[in-house]
Amino acid sequence: MKHTAAPVAGLRGEATLDSIAWIRLSSVALPLATPVSDAKVLTGRQKPMTEVAFLFAEIETAQGRTGIGFSYSKRAGGPAQFAHAREIADDLIGEDPSDIGRLWTKLVWAGASVGRSGVATQAIAAFDIALWDLKAKRADLPLAKLLGAHRDSVRCYNTSGGFLHTPTEQVLDNATASLAHGIGGIKIKVGHPDGRQDLRRLSAVREHIGDDVPLMVDANQQWDRPTAQRMGRALEEFGLGWIEEPLDAYDAQGHAALAASLDTPVATGEMLASVAEHHELIRLGAADIIQPDAPRIGGITQFLKLAALADHHHLQLAPHFAMEIHLHLAAAYPIEPWVEHFDWLEPLFEERLTISDGRMHVPARPGLGVTLTEQARAWTRATHEAGKRP
């Protein structure tokens, strides 16, 4: 009797229809029109932010299929992400672009000694997102539809008009402009050394936009536990959608105690750099609203794992930043989510997202639905290519 040898993991079978032929990495510095300050600047922990560093990964297959993905870093870290991505890019050449989960694991093991969070997974995220973009384009579907959308539009709120460096009158004008643009909610920064200044500022915004417009605040990790309790109680009167990052991002126990004591929902998670770190928040009940950032936690593959965990615990979802990616992921989340509106990234992409009636609409374009502008190319500081373009 003739026996057939068992297949060896990694060997191609007839289901492998394409292969990754070429990758281009680009390190792009996006300048900000005005230096940006939040509470971390007022307390001396950081300097005002003047630019955002992006890592773009462009992938092309032997059949000519393409995908684009990106990761980013605010302030330090951009060159490190680019350096790590450059080291591991060759490991994708010749691989089946559809095997995204396996390729994520392969890239993690390529840099196993630097761990599974932080710069390492943020570098992998650019590849991972590009592969998901490619897969959706191959299916000729928007990414949200490939994942299985629960809705074609998502509630959106604006953050970029409410930073602490912005005078209160300008914050009010920015809120008016955002609402006129069709954005559904307003978030402002808090965390002044004198909390009374936060309350005066917030009172002015609430009076200006009225009681029916969703309003949120973001303390950017600047309060200790007693201050967060006092401020949380003082903020109850404003009917906030949530209080964001009231404590250090890694103080899961403190967030859990605060969430249990306040009527206002507590939101956090944007600074965490892995699914495992978010798991601790969820396990302890430290967030009513979870705020993962796909580029920070390793890409879409990891985001989907976290989203399944969050849904199992009936948590609301409000992904951080990068609306061009998170619109699709939020549209595929079962519980009605929010997406954060930032117009900072618009100079990087040819396309614009449609916003109306308080919601951001999933575009009909396949994949993420974005292409890089010539301006993005002009802001490129370094590039690296792996493989050969077909």
Protein backbone atom coordinates (compact mmCIF):
# COMPACT_ATOMS: atom_id res chain seq x y z
CA MET A 1 0.00 0.00 0.00
CA LYS A 2 1.40 3.36 -1.00
CA HIS A 3 1.53 6.05 1.69
CA THR A 4 1.60 9.77 1.00
CA ALA A 5 3.80 11.87 3.23
CA ALA A 6 2.02 14.35 5.46
CA PRO A 7 2.25 17.93 4.17
CA VAL A 8 4.93 20.09 5.74
CA ALA A 9 3.83 23.40 7.21
CA GLY A 10 4.77 26.30 4.97
CA LEU A 11 4.95 24.31 1.70
CA ARG A 12 2.74 25.69 -1.03
CA GLY A 13 -0.33 23.84 -2.15
CA GLU A 14 -2.73 24.46 -4.98
CA ALA A 15 -4.59 27.03 -2.86
CA THR A 16 -1.58 29.39 -3.02
CA LEU A 17 -2.41 31.60 -5.97
CA ASP A 18 -0.01 34.52 -5.59
CA SER A 19 3.19 35.61 -3.84
CA ILE A 20 4.69 38.80 -2.47
CA ALA A 21 7.25 40.08 -4.96
CA TRP A 22 8.16 43.59 -3.81
CA ILE A 23 7.93 45.85 -0.77
CA ARG A 24 8.73 49.53 -0.41
CA LEU A 25 9.07 51.10 3.01
CA SER A 26 8.91 54.87 3.45
CA SER A 27 9.64 56.97 6.52
CA VAL A 28 7.51 60.10 6.18
CA ALA A 29 7.46 63.13 8.48
CA LEU A 30 4.13 64.97 8.50
CA PRO A 31 4.59 68.56 9.77
CA LEU A 32 1.82 70.06 11.90
CA ALA A 33 0.65 73.57 11.10
CA THR A 34 0.69 74.52 14.80
CA PRO A 35 2.70 72.88 17.63
CA VAL A 36 0.25 70.76 19.62
CA SER A 37 0.07 70.64 23.43
CA ASP A 38 -1.98 68.54 25.81
CA ALA A 39 -1.66 67.99 29.54
CA LYS A 40 1.62 66.07 29.13
CA VAL A 41 3.20 69.30 27.89
CA LEU A 42 1.76 71.46 30.68
CA THR A 43 3.19 69.08 33.30
CA GLY A 44 6.62 69.02 31.63
CA ARG A 45 6.56 65.37 30.58
CA GLN A 46 6.76 66.14 26.88
CA LYS A 47 7.50 68.96 24.47
CA PRO A 48 4.88 70.36 22.08
CA MET A 49 4.39 68.06 19.09
CA THR A 50 5.49 69.54 15.77
CA GLU A 51 5.28 66.52 13.46
CA VAL A 52 4.06 62.94 13.20
CA ALA A 53 6.38 60.22 11.88
CA PHE A 54 4.79 57.65 9.56
CA LEU A 55 6.01 54.26 8.40
CA PHE A 56 4.36 53.30 5.11
CA ALA A 57 4.55 49.79 3.64
CA GLU A 58 3.61 49.30 0.00
CA ILE A 59 3.34 45.69 -1.13
CA GLU A 60 3.04 44.31 -4.67
CA THR A 61 2.52 40.68 -5.65
CA ALA A 62 3.66 38.62 -8.61
CA GLN A 63 0.17 39.08 -10.09
CA GLY A 64 0.40 42.85 -9.74
CA ARG A 65 -1.92 43.17 -6.72
CA THR A 66 -1.06 46.03 -4.38
CA GLY A 67 -1.69 47.02 -0.79
CA ILE A 68 -0.70 49.92 1.41
CA GLY A 69 -0.49 50.14 5.19
CA PHE A 70 1.01 52.44 7.76
CA SER A 71 2.09 52.84 11.31
CA TYR A 72 3.07 56.04 13.05
CA SER A 73 4.79 57.61 16.02
CA LYS A 74 4.24 60.94 17.74
CA ARG A 75 7.47 62.55 18.87
CA ALA A 76 10.19 59.88 19.23
CA GLY A 77 10.16 56.40 17.69
CA GLY A 78 9.60 56.86 13.96
CA PRO A 79 13.18 56.00 12.88
CA ALA A 80 13.13 52.94 15.15
CA GLN A 81 9.93 51.64 13.52
CA PHE A 82 11.47 52.13 10.08
CA ALA A 83 14.71 50.39 11.10
CA HIS A 84 12.91 47.33 12.46
CA ALA A 85 10.64 47.10 9.42
CA ARG A 86 13.67 47.28 7.13
CA GLU A 87 15.31 44.37 8.95
CA ILE A 88 12.33 42.03 8.63
CA ALA A 89 10.89 43.02 5.23
CA ASP A 90 12.79 40.31 3.31
CA ASP A 91 11.00 37.64 5.34
CA LEU A 92 7.80 38.40 3.42
CA ILE A 93 9.22 38.04 -0.09
CA GLY A 94 7.84 34.95 -1.81
CA GLU A 95 5.08 34.45 0.77
CA ASP A 96 1.37 34.09 0.03
CA PRO A 97 -0.16 37.52 0.83
CA SER A 98 -3.43 35.90 1.86
CA ASP A 99 -1.86 34.08 4.83
CA ILE A 100 -1.95 37.20 6.98
CA GLY A 101 -2.18 35.58 10.40
CA ARG A 102 0.72 33.24 9.71
CA LEU A 103 2.82 36.09 8.32
CA TRP A 104 2.17 38.21 11.41
CA THR A 105 3.54 35.37 13.55
CA LYS A 106 6.51 34.93 11.22
CA LEU A 107 7.44 38.59 11.54
CA VAL A 108 7.11 38.48 15.33
CA TRP A 109 9.52 35.54 15.47
CA ALA A 110 11.92 37.30 13.12
CA GLY A 111 12.42 39.86 15.89
CA ALA A 112 11.59 37.68 18.86
CA SER A 113 14.29 39.13 21.09
CA VAL A 114 12.66 42.59 21.05
CA GLY A 115 9.31 41.23 22.17
CA ARG A 116 5.69 41.41 21.10
CA SER A 117 4.76 44.99 21.86
CA GLY A 118 6.03 48.51 21.28
CA VAL A 119 8.24 49.37 18.33
CA ALA A 120 8.44 45.77 17.12
CA THR A 121 4.70 45.23 16.69
CA GLN A 122 4.18 48.79 15.47
CA ALA A 123 6.61 48.07 12.64
CA ILE A 124 4.80 44.82 11.84
CA ALA A 125 1.50 46.72 11.80
CA ALA A 126 2.42 48.56 8.61
CA PHE A 127 2.92 45.24 6.77
CA ASP A 128 -0.18 43.69 8.32
CA ILE A 129 -2.44 46.59 7.37
CA ALA A 130 -1.04 46.58 3.82
CA LEU A 131 -1.83 42.87 3.51
CA TRP A 132 -5.43 43.41 4.65
CA ASP A 133 -5.73 46.31 2.19
CA LEU A 134 -4.43 44.02 -0.55
CA LYS A 135 -6.83 41.21 0.36
CA ALA A 136 -9.83 43.52 0.29
CA LYS A 137 -8.72 44.98 -3.05
CA ARG A 138 -8.38 41.45 -4.45
CA ALA A 139 -12.00 40.84 -3.39
CA ASP A 140 -12.97 44.27 -4.82
CA LEU A 141 -14.54 45.19 -1.49
CA PRO A 142 -14.09 47.99 1.04
CA LEU A 143 -12.18 46.55 4.00
CA ALA A 144 -15.23 46.92 6.27
CA LYS A 145 -17.25 44.73 3.90
CA LEU A 146 -14.52 42.12 3.69
CA LEU A 147 -14.48 41.91 7.49
CA GLY A 148 -18.27 41.82 7.69
CA ALA A 149 -19.76 45.24 8.37
CA HIS A 150 -22.50 45.82 10.93
CA ARG A 151 -23.12 49.29 9.49
CA ASP A 152 -22.08 51.48 6.57
CA SER A 153 -21.37 54.54 8.71
CA VAL A 154 -20.03 55.19 12.21
CA ARG A 155 -20.63 57.95 14.75
CA CYS A 156 -17.69 60.37 14.76
CA TYR A 157 -16.37 63.04 17.08
CA ASN A 158 -13.67 65.68 16.71
CA THR A 159 -10.57 65.97 18.90
CA SER A 160 -8.15 68.17 16.97
CA GLY A 161 -10.03 71.39 17.75
CA GLY A 162 -9.84 71.06 21.52
CA PHE A 163 -6.16 70.83 22.50
CA LEU A 164 -4.96 72.70 25.57
CA HIS A 165 -2.78 75.10 23.58
CA THR A 166 -5.95 76.40 21.89
CA PRO A 167 -7.64 79.42 23.54
CA THR A 168 -11.18 78.77 24.75
CA GLU A 169 -12.77 81.11 22.20
CA GLN A 170 -10.99 79.28 19.42
CA VAL A 171 -12.14 75.93 20.86
CA LEU A 172 -15.73 77.20 20.65
CA ASP A 173 -15.23 78.31 17.04
CA ASN A 174 -13.64 74.95 16.20
CA ALA A 175 -16.59 73.11 17.73
CA THR A 176 -19.01 75.16 15.63
CA ALA A 177 -17.03 74.36 12.48
CA SER A 178 -16.90 70.65 13.32
CA LEU A 179 -20.63 70.40 13.88
CA ALA A 180 -21.29 72.36 10.69
CA HIS A 181 -19.09 69.85 8.86
CA GLY A 182 -21.40 67.07 10.00
CA ILE A 183 -19.31 65.69 12.86
CA GLY A 184 -21.46 64.30 15.66
CA GLY A 185 -19.53 64.95 18.89
CA ILE A 186 -16.83 67.12 20.41
CA LYS A 187 -13.92 66.06 22.62
CA ILE A 188 -11.71 68.56 24.43
CA LYS A 189 -8.53 68.12 26.39
CA VAL A 190 -8.39 68.61 30.16
CA GLY A 191 -5.59 68.27 32.69
CA HIS A 192 -4.60 71.84 33.58
CA PRO A 193 -2.61 72.06 36.81
CA ASP A 194 -5.57 73.99 38.20
CA GLY A 195 -8.66 71.85 37.66
CA ARG A 196 -10.92 74.87 37.98
CA GLN A 197 -9.58 76.04 34.63
CA ASP A 198 -10.72 72.76 33.07
CA LEU A 199 -14.17 73.19 34.55
CA ARG A 200 -14.51 76.76 33.28
CA ARG A 201 -13.39 75.73 29.82
CA LEU A 202 -15.70 72.72 29.75
CA SER A 203 -18.64 74.78 31.00
CA ALA A 204 -18.12 77.23 28.15
CA VAL A 205 -18.06 74.43 25.57
CA ARG A 206 -21.17 72.73 26.97
CA GLU A 207 -23.08 76.01 26.99
CA HIS A 208 -21.91 76.74 23.45
CA ILE A 209 -22.84 73.40 21.83
CA GLY A 210 -25.91 72.66 23.96
CA ASP A 211 -26.93 69.63 25.97
CA ASP A 212 -27.84 67.44 23.01
CA VAL A 213 -24.38 67.27 21.42
CA PRO A 214 -22.18 64.43 22.75
CA LEU A 215 -19.23 65.88 24.66
CA MET A 216 -16.14 63.99 25.89
CA VAL A 217 -12.94 64.95 27.72
CA ASP A 218 -9.40 63.57 27.59
CA ALA A 219 -6.96 64.00 30.48
CA ASN A 220 -4.03 62.27 28.71
CA GLN A 221 -2.98 60.31 31.84
CA GLN A 222 -2.24 63.41 33.90
CA TRP A 223 -4.24 62.85 37.10
CA ASP A 224 -3.30 60.78 40.11
CA ARG A 225 -6.01 58.65 41.71
CA PRO A 226 -7.34 61.24 44.22
CA THR A 227 -7.41 63.99 41.58
CA ALA A 228 -9.21 61.72 39.13
CA GLN A 229 -11.85 60.97 41.75
CA ARG A 230 -12.40 64.64 42.56
CA MET A 231 -12.43 65.73 38.92
CA GLY A 232 -14.61 62.79 37.92
CA ARG A 233 -17.25 63.80 40.45
CA ALA A 234 -17.05 67.45 39.37
CA LEU A 235 -17.49 66.47 35.73
CA GLU A 236 -20.65 64.45 36.30
CA GLU A 237 -22.87 67.52 35.82
CA PHE A 238 -21.82 67.91 32.19
CA GLY A 239 -23.34 64.62 30.99
CA LEU A 240 -20.13 63.52 29.28
CA GLY A 241 -19.90 60.67 26.84
CA TRP A 242 -16.72 59.60 28.61
CA ILE A 243 -13.64 60.64 30.57
CA GLU A 244 -10.58 59.48 28.64
CA GLU A 245 -7.26 58.40 30.17
CA PRO A 246 -7.83 59.95 33.59
CA LEU A 247 -4.89 57.95 34.99
CA ASP A 248 -1.61 56.47 33.83
CA ALA A 249 -2.34 54.17 30.90
CA TYR A 250 -0.92 51.15 32.75
CA ASP A 251 -2.81 51.76 36.01
CA ALA A 252 -5.48 49.17 35.29
CA GLN A 253 -6.49 48.83 38.94
CA GLY A 254 -6.87 52.59 39.34
CA HIS A 255 -9.01 52.82 36.22
CA ALA A 256 -11.15 49.93 37.46
CA ALA A 257 -11.81 51.62 40.81
CA LEU A 258 -12.62 54.90 39.08
CA ALA A 259 -14.96 53.27 36.56
CA ALA A 260 -16.83 51.57 39.40
CA SER A 261 -17.28 54.82 41.32
CA LEU A 262 -18.43 57.19 38.56
CA ASP A 263 -21.61 57.46 36.52
CA THR A 264 -19.61 58.88 33.61
CA PRO A 265 -18.04 56.12 31.49
CA VAL A 266 -14.26 55.73 31.62
CA ALA A 267 -12.36 55.25 28.34
CA THR A 268 -8.75 54.18 27.90
CA GLY A 269 -6.40 51.95 25.93
CA GLU A 270 -4.90 54.11 23.19
CA MET A 271 -1.35 54.04 24.58
CA LEU A 272 -1.17 50.28 25.04
CA ALA A 273 0.95 48.38 22.54
CA SER A 274 -0.41 44.83 22.54
CA VAL A 275 -3.56 42.76 22.92
CA ALA A 276 -2.12 41.32 26.15
CA GLU A 277 -1.93 44.77 27.75
CA HIS A 278 -5.55 45.47 26.81
CA HIS A 279 -6.57 42.11 28.23
CA GLU A 280 -5.56 43.31 31.70
CA LEU A 281 -7.83 46.34 31.35
CA ILE A 282 -10.73 44.15 30.31
CA ARG A 283 -10.08 41.50 32.95
CA LEU A 284 -10.21 44.09 35.74
CA GLY A 285 -13.18 46.03 34.34
CA ALA A 286 -10.97 49.09 33.95
CA ALA A 287 -12.74 50.58 30.94
CA ASP A 288 -16.34 51.10 29.92
CA ILE A 289 -15.08 52.10 26.47
CA ILE A 290 -11.97 50.47 25.01
CA GLN A 291 -9.80 52.60 22.72
CA PRO A 292 -7.29 50.44 20.86
CA ASP A 293 -5.08 51.79 18.10
CA ALA A 294 -4.49 49.26 15.30
CA PRO A 295 -1.04 50.57 14.28
CA ARG A 296 0.08 50.55 17.92
CA ILE A 297 -1.02 47.01 18.77
CA GLY A 298 0.34 45.30 15.68
CA GLY A 299 -2.18 45.92 12.93
CA ILE A 300 -5.59 44.68 11.90
CA THR A 301 -4.90 41.03 12.73
CA GLN A 302 -4.35 41.92 16.37
CA PHE A 303 -7.15 44.48 16.43
CA LEU A 304 -9.64 41.82 15.39
CA LYS A 305 -8.53 39.60 18.27
CA LEU A 306 -9.01 42.46 20.70
CA ALA A 307 -12.36 43.44 19.20
CA ALA A 308 -13.67 39.90 19.70
CA LEU A 309 -12.56 40.01 23.34
CA ALA A 310 -14.13 43.44 23.87
CA ASP A 311 -17.40 42.35 22.29
CA HIS A 312 -17.48 39.27 24.53
CA HIS A 313 -17.36 41.63 27.53
CA HIS A 314 -20.01 43.96 26.01
CA LEU A 315 -17.65 46.95 25.86
CA GLN A 316 -18.12 49.99 23.71
CA LEU A 317 -15.37 50.72 21.16
CA ALA A 318 -13.80 54.05 20.20
CA PRO A 319 -10.52 53.44 18.33
CA HIS A 320 -7.80 56.04 18.66
CA PHE A 321 -6.59 58.27 15.79
CA ALA A 322 -6.01 56.97 12.19
CA MET A 323 -9.64 57.25 11.08
CA GLU A 324 -8.65 56.04 7.61
CA ILE A 325 -8.08 52.59 9.14
CA HIS A 326 -10.38 52.63 12.14
CA LEU A 327 -13.52 53.60 10.23
CA HIS A 328 -13.47 50.14 8.60
CA LEU A 329 -12.72 48.32 11.85
CA ALA A 330 -15.39 50.19 13.80
CA ALA A 331 -17.95 49.51 11.09
CA ALA A 332 -17.32 45.78 11.64
CA TYR A 333 -17.77 45.93 15.44
CA PRO A 334 -21.13 44.59 16.70
CA ILE A 335 -21.84 47.29 19.32
CA GLU A 336 -22.39 50.84 18.01
CA PRO A 337 -18.91 52.47 18.16
CA TRP A 338 -17.31 55.88 17.72
CA VAL A 339 -14.47 56.98 15.40
CA GLU A 340 -12.16 59.88 16.18
CA HIS A 341 -11.97 62.60 13.53
CA PHE A 342 -8.53 64.07 12.92
CA ASP A 343 -7.85 66.04 9.75
CA TRP A 344 -4.08 65.90 10.31
CA LEU A 345 -3.52 63.00 7.89
CA GLU A 346 -5.42 64.52 4.97
CA PRO A 347 -2.29 65.89 3.20
CA LEU A 348 -0.99 62.32 2.96
CA PHE A 349 -3.91 60.91 0.97
CA GLU A 350 -5.63 61.78 -2.30
CA GLU A 351 -9.06 60.77 -0.99
CA ARG A 352 -11.38 62.30 1.62
CA LEU A 353 -13.87 60.55 3.87
CA THR A 354 -17.50 61.60 3.71
CA ILE A 355 -19.03 62.94 6.95
CA SER A 356 -22.67 63.90 7.42
CA ASP A 357 -25.38 63.81 10.08
CA GLY A 358 -22.88 63.03 12.82
CA ARG A 359 -21.48 59.97 11.04
CA MET A 360 -18.42 59.00 9.00
CA HIS A 361 -19.29 56.89 5.97
CA VAL A 362 -17.42 53.81 4.75
CA PRO A 363 -16.17 54.59 1.23
CA ALA A 364 -17.09 52.39 -1.73
CA ARG A 365 -13.43 52.19 -2.77
CA PRO A 366 -11.81 48.74 -2.38
CA GLY A 367 -9.49 48.12 0.57
CA LEU A 368 -8.80 51.06 2.84
CA GLY A 369 -9.56 53.29 -0.12
CA VAL A 370 -6.47 55.51 0.17
CA THR A 371 -3.55 56.38 -2.10
CA LEU A 372 -0.50 58.48 -1.23
CA THR A 373 -0.15 62.04 -2.49
CA GLU A 374 2.90 63.55 -4.12
CA GLN A 375 3.20 65.69 -0.98
CA ALA A 376 3.62 62.53 1.10
CA ARG A 377 6.42 61.48 -1.26
CA ALA A 378 8.02 64.90 -0.81
CA TRP A 379 7.98 64.52 2.99
CA THR A 380 9.75 61.14 2.75
CA ARG A 381 13.02 61.02 4.68
CA ALA A 382 14.12 57.45 3.95
CA THR A 383 13.06 54.50 1.79
CA HIS A 384 13.94 50.82 1.55
CA GLU A 385 12.97 48.20 -1.00
CA ALA A 386 12.87 44.43 -0.65
CA GLY A 387 12.39 41.97 -3.50
CA LYS A 388 11.89 42.93 -7.12
CA ARG A 389 8.95 44.76 -8.62
CA PRO A 390 7.13 42.53 -11.14
